[in-house]
Structures are given as C-alpha cells and as structure tokens.
Amino acid sequence: RKILLLVDNATSHAIDNSEEYPNICLHFLPANTTAHLQPMDADIINAFKAHYKCLYIHQVINDFDEGVKEPEKINVLQAMRLVKSTWDEIKVELAANEDLAIQEVHISEIVTAQ
C-alpha cells in the first residue's frame, strides 16, 4: 500500500526515509503556507493557551487559599490534568463556533502550491 504524508516544512521533519520505507512518500508543504492551509491552528493554539492559563490561575488561587506552599509549582500529573481539562473545554468551544468551520482543501491545491 502506498502512503502519502503531508507535513509542514519544519526542519525536524526533514528525513530521508526512501530506502527504509519505500511505500511511504513524504510531501513537504511549501514554506509559509501552514497558516493558509491550516488557518484554525493559530486560533486553536491561542484559545488553548488562554484556557490553560485561566485554569492554572484558578488552581494556584485555590491552592494558596488551602495553605499549599509554593502553589504556583505544579507537577507533571497536575499539568496533564490541566491540559485534559483545557482540551475538553476547547473542543466544546470549537464545536459551537461557526467562524472556525473546517474548510476543505483539495490535494491539488497543496501539491501545486510549490
């Protein structure tokens, strides 16, 4: 089975896999097109950061009120729980926001954009 992977042109994606995986073809998107081809990325990231910061501040305030020493310090498990709660809120917000409707992009638009 032939597989085509479309990836942005981040340097971390630049690998030569042609010999090891001959059935997989990596196609790199043209430079500076991620925002055009994936306009929701910026909105999702900004919404995620805002929600995460809000939940984090609420947690710090609650911990401070409970007398926790250094309430601003959280461990990995607490961070993971904040991320999950944040993502759950973001999914609901995105589903309700018609302005962030997903737009179809035909493969020919991506391949010929070079």
C-alpha atoms as a PDB file:
ATOM      1  CA  ARG A   1       0.000   0.000   0.000  1.00  0.00           C
ATOM      2  CA  LYS A   2       1.320   3.431  -0.952  1.00  0.00           C
ATOM      3  CA  ILE A   3       1.127   6.163   1.703  1.00  0.00           C
ATOM      4  CA  LEU A   4       1.421   9.920   1.194  1.00  0.00           C
ATOM      5  CA  LEU A   5       2.204  12.011   4.274  1.00  0.00           C
ATOM      6  CA  LEU A   6       1.727  15.761   4.009  1.00  0.00           C
ATOM      7  CA  VAL A   7       3.892  17.566   6.552  1.00  0.00           C
ATOM      8  CA  ASP A   8       4.912  21.148   7.142  1.00  0.00           C
ATOM      9  CA  ASN A   9       8.456  22.103   6.309  1.00  0.00           C
ATOM     10  CA  ALA A  10       9.778  22.078   9.878  1.00  0.00           C
ATOM     11  CA  THR A  11      13.414  21.013   9.929  1.00  0.00           C
ATOM     12  CA  SER A  12      12.558  18.205  12.347  1.00  0.00           C
ATOM     13  CA  HIS A  13      10.533  16.570   9.557  1.00  0.00           C
ATOM     14  CA  ALA A  14      13.407  16.548   7.064  1.00  0.00           C
ATOM     15  CA  ILE A  15      14.401  12.902   6.965  1.00  0.00           C
ATOM     16  CA  ASP A  16      15.261  10.574   4.126  1.00  0.00           C
ATOM     17  CA  ASN A  17      13.106   7.507   4.539  1.00  0.00           C
ATOM     18  CA  SER A  18      13.005   6.438   0.907  1.00  0.00           C
ATOM     19  CA  GLU A  19      15.177   3.362   1.393  1.00  0.00           C
ATOM     20  CA  GLU A  20      13.836   2.255   4.767  1.00  0.00           C
ATOM     21  CA  TYR A  21      10.146   2.806   3.896  1.00  0.00           C
ATOM     22  CA  PRO A  22       9.783   2.717   0.103  1.00  0.00           C
ATOM     23  CA  ASN A  23       5.962   2.698   0.270  1.00  0.00           C
ATOM     24  CA  ILE A  24       5.823   5.988   2.215  1.00  0.00           C
ATOM     25  CA  CYS A  25       6.195   9.290   0.391  1.00  0.00           C
ATOM     26  CA  LEU A  26       6.732  12.474   2.401  1.00  0.00           C
ATOM     27  CA  HIS A  27       5.496  15.616   0.686  1.00  0.00           C
ATOM     28  CA  PHE A  28       6.572  18.844   2.332  1.00  0.00           C
ATOM     29  CA  LEU A  29       4.198  21.775   2.231  1.00  0.00           C
ATOM     30  CA  PRO A  30       5.660  24.940   0.724  1.00  0.00           C
ATOM     31  CA  ALA A  31       7.246  27.435   3.103  1.00  0.00           C
ATOM     32  CA  ASN A  32       4.919  29.865   4.880  1.00  0.00           C
ATOM     33  CA  THR A  33       1.733  28.077   3.824  1.00  0.00           C
ATOM     34  CA  THR A  34       0.795  26.425   7.096  1.00  0.00           C
ATOM     35  CA  ALA A  35      -1.304  29.426   8.174  1.00  0.00           C
ATOM     36  CA  HIS A  36      -3.063  29.438   4.790  1.00  0.00           C
ATOM     37  CA  LEU A  37      -3.692  25.705   4.667  1.00  0.00           C
ATOM     38  CA  GLN A  38      -4.398  25.321   8.393  1.00  0.00           C
ATOM     39  CA  PRO A  39      -5.977  28.616   9.499  1.00  0.00           C
ATOM     40  CA  MET A  40      -7.528  27.019  12.579  1.00  0.00           C
ATOM     41  CA  ASP A  41      -4.118  26.245  14.084  1.00  0.00           C
ATOM     42  CA  ALA A  42      -3.484  29.767  15.352  1.00  0.00           C
ATOM     43  CA  ASP A  43      -6.999  30.143  16.765  1.00  0.00           C
ATOM     44  CA  ILE A  44      -6.891  26.769  18.495  1.00  0.00           C
ATOM     45  CA  ILE A  45      -3.458  27.415  19.991  1.00  0.00           C
ATOM     46  CA  ASN A  46      -4.455  30.863  21.261  1.00  0.00           C
ATOM     47  CA  ALA A  47      -7.700  29.556  22.741  1.00  0.00           C
ATOM     48  CA  PHE A  48      -5.855  26.647  24.359  1.00  0.00           C
ATOM     49  CA  LYS A  49      -3.249  28.931  25.956  1.00  0.00           C
ATOM     50  CA  ALA A  50      -5.903  31.301  27.290  1.00  0.00           C
ATOM     51  CA  HIS A  51      -7.994  28.485  28.788  1.00  0.00           C
ATOM     52  CA  TYR A  52      -4.944  26.757  30.251  1.00  0.00           C
ATOM     53  CA  LYS A  53      -3.723  29.963  31.923  1.00  0.00           C
ATOM     54  CA  CYS A  54      -7.185  30.575  33.373  1.00  0.00           C
ATOM     55  CA  LEU A  55      -7.423  27.056  34.821  1.00  0.00           C
ATOM     56  CA  TYR A  56      -3.859  27.274  36.123  1.00  0.00           C
ATOM     57  CA  ILE A  57      -4.516  30.601  37.883  1.00  0.00           C
ATOM     58  CA  HIS A  58      -7.695  29.190  39.460  1.00  0.00           C
ATOM     59  CA  GLN A  59      -5.701  26.213  40.711  1.00  0.00           C
ATOM     60  CA  VAL A  60      -2.969  28.458  42.142  1.00  0.00           C
ATOM     61  CA  ILE A  61      -5.559  30.598  43.945  1.00  0.00           C
ATOM     62  CA  ASN A  62      -7.315  27.519  45.358  1.00  0.00           C
ATOM     63  CA  ASP A  63      -4.005  26.016  46.500  1.00  0.00           C
ATOM     64  CA  PHE A  64      -2.980  29.336  48.060  1.00  0.00           C
ATOM     65  CA  ASP A  65      -6.291  29.541  49.937  1.00  0.00           C
ATOM     66  CA  GLU A  66      -5.705  25.996  51.226  1.00  0.00           C
ATOM     67  CA  GLY A  67      -2.256  26.949  52.510  1.00  0.00           C
ATOM     68  CA  VAL A  68      -0.206  24.991  49.969  1.00  0.00           C
ATOM     69  CA  LYS A  69       3.449  26.053  49.950  1.00  0.00           C
ATOM     70  CA  GLU A  70       4.520  27.361  46.541  1.00  0.00           C
ATOM     71  CA  PRO A  71       1.091  26.935  44.934  1.00  0.00           C
ATOM     72  CA  GLU A  72       2.452  28.133  41.585  1.00  0.00           C
ATOM     73  CA  LYS A  73       4.572  24.992  41.250  1.00  0.00           C
ATOM     74  CA  ILE A  74       2.763  22.056  39.706  1.00  0.00           C
ATOM     75  CA  ASN A  75       3.912  18.535  38.971  1.00  0.00           C
ATOM     76  CA  VAL A  76       3.599  16.659  35.691  1.00  0.00           C
ATOM     77  CA  LEU A  77       0.369  14.927  36.707  1.00  0.00           C
ATOM     78  CA  GLN A  78      -1.263  18.247  37.615  1.00  0.00           C
ATOM     79  CA  ALA A  79      -0.121  19.732  34.301  1.00  0.00           C
ATOM     80  CA  MET A  80      -1.546  16.752  32.417  1.00  0.00           C
ATOM     81  CA  ARG A  81      -4.878  17.157  34.189  1.00  0.00           C
ATOM     82  CA  LEU A  82      -4.919  20.863  33.318  1.00  0.00           C
ATOM     83  CA  VAL A  83      -4.163  20.040  29.680  1.00  0.00           C
ATOM     84  CA  LYS A  84      -7.004  17.497  29.558  1.00  0.00           C
ATOM     85  CA  SER A  85      -9.480  19.899  31.167  1.00  0.00           C
ATOM     86  CA  THR A  86      -8.356  22.656  28.831  1.00  0.00           C
ATOM     87  CA  TRP A  87      -8.688  20.473  25.739  1.00  0.00           C
ATOM     88  CA  ASP A  88     -12.168  19.333  26.817  1.00  0.00           C
ATOM     89  CA  GLU A  89     -13.250  22.988  27.088  1.00  0.00           C
ATOM     90  CA  ILE A  90     -11.654  23.894  23.760  1.00  0.00           C
ATOM     91  CA  LYS A  91     -13.434  21.056  21.920  1.00  0.00           C
ATOM     92  CA  VAL A  92     -16.802  22.316  23.151  1.00  0.00           C
ATOM     93  CA  GLU A  93     -15.913  25.890  22.189  1.00  0.00           C
ATOM     94  CA  LEU A  94     -14.753  24.877  18.706  1.00  0.00           C
ATOM     95  CA  ALA A  95     -17.853  22.793  18.073  1.00  0.00           C
ATOM     96  CA  ALA A  96     -20.047  25.780  18.944  1.00  0.00           C
ATOM     97  CA  ASN A  97     -18.050  28.341  16.934  1.00  0.00           C
ATOM     98  CA  GLU A  98     -19.257  28.573  13.333  1.00  0.00           C
ATOM     99  CA  ASP A  99     -16.454  31.016  12.462  1.00  0.00           C
ATOM    100  CA  LEU A 100     -13.944  28.197  12.890  1.00  0.00           C
ATOM    101  CA  ALA A 101     -15.663  25.837  10.467  1.00  0.00           C
ATOM    102  CA  ILE A 102     -13.303  23.392   8.831  1.00  0.00           C
ATOM    103  CA  GLN A 103     -12.614  24.184   5.199  1.00  0.00           C
ATOM    104  CA  GLU A 104     -11.807  21.525   2.647  1.00  0.00           C
ATOM    105  CA  VAL A 105      -8.531  21.866   0.797  1.00  0.00           C
ATOM    106  CA  HIS A 106      -8.109  19.723  -2.287  1.00  0.00           C
ATOM    107  CA  ILE A 107      -4.822  17.831  -2.577  1.00  0.00           C
ATOM    108  CA  SER A 108      -4.068  19.554  -5.905  1.00  0.00           C
ATOM    109  CA  GLU A 109      -4.039  22.938  -4.130  1.00  0.00           C
ATOM    110  CA  ILE A 110      -1.323  21.700  -1.803  1.00  0.00           C
ATOM    111  CA  VAL A 111       0.827  19.900  -4.343  1.00  0.00           C
ATOM    112  CA  THR A 112       0.728  22.707  -6.928  1.00  0.00           C
ATOM    113  CA  ALA A 113       1.377  25.479  -4.369  1.00  0.00           C
ATOM    114  CA  GLN A 114       5.116  24.986  -4.752  1.00  0.00           C
END
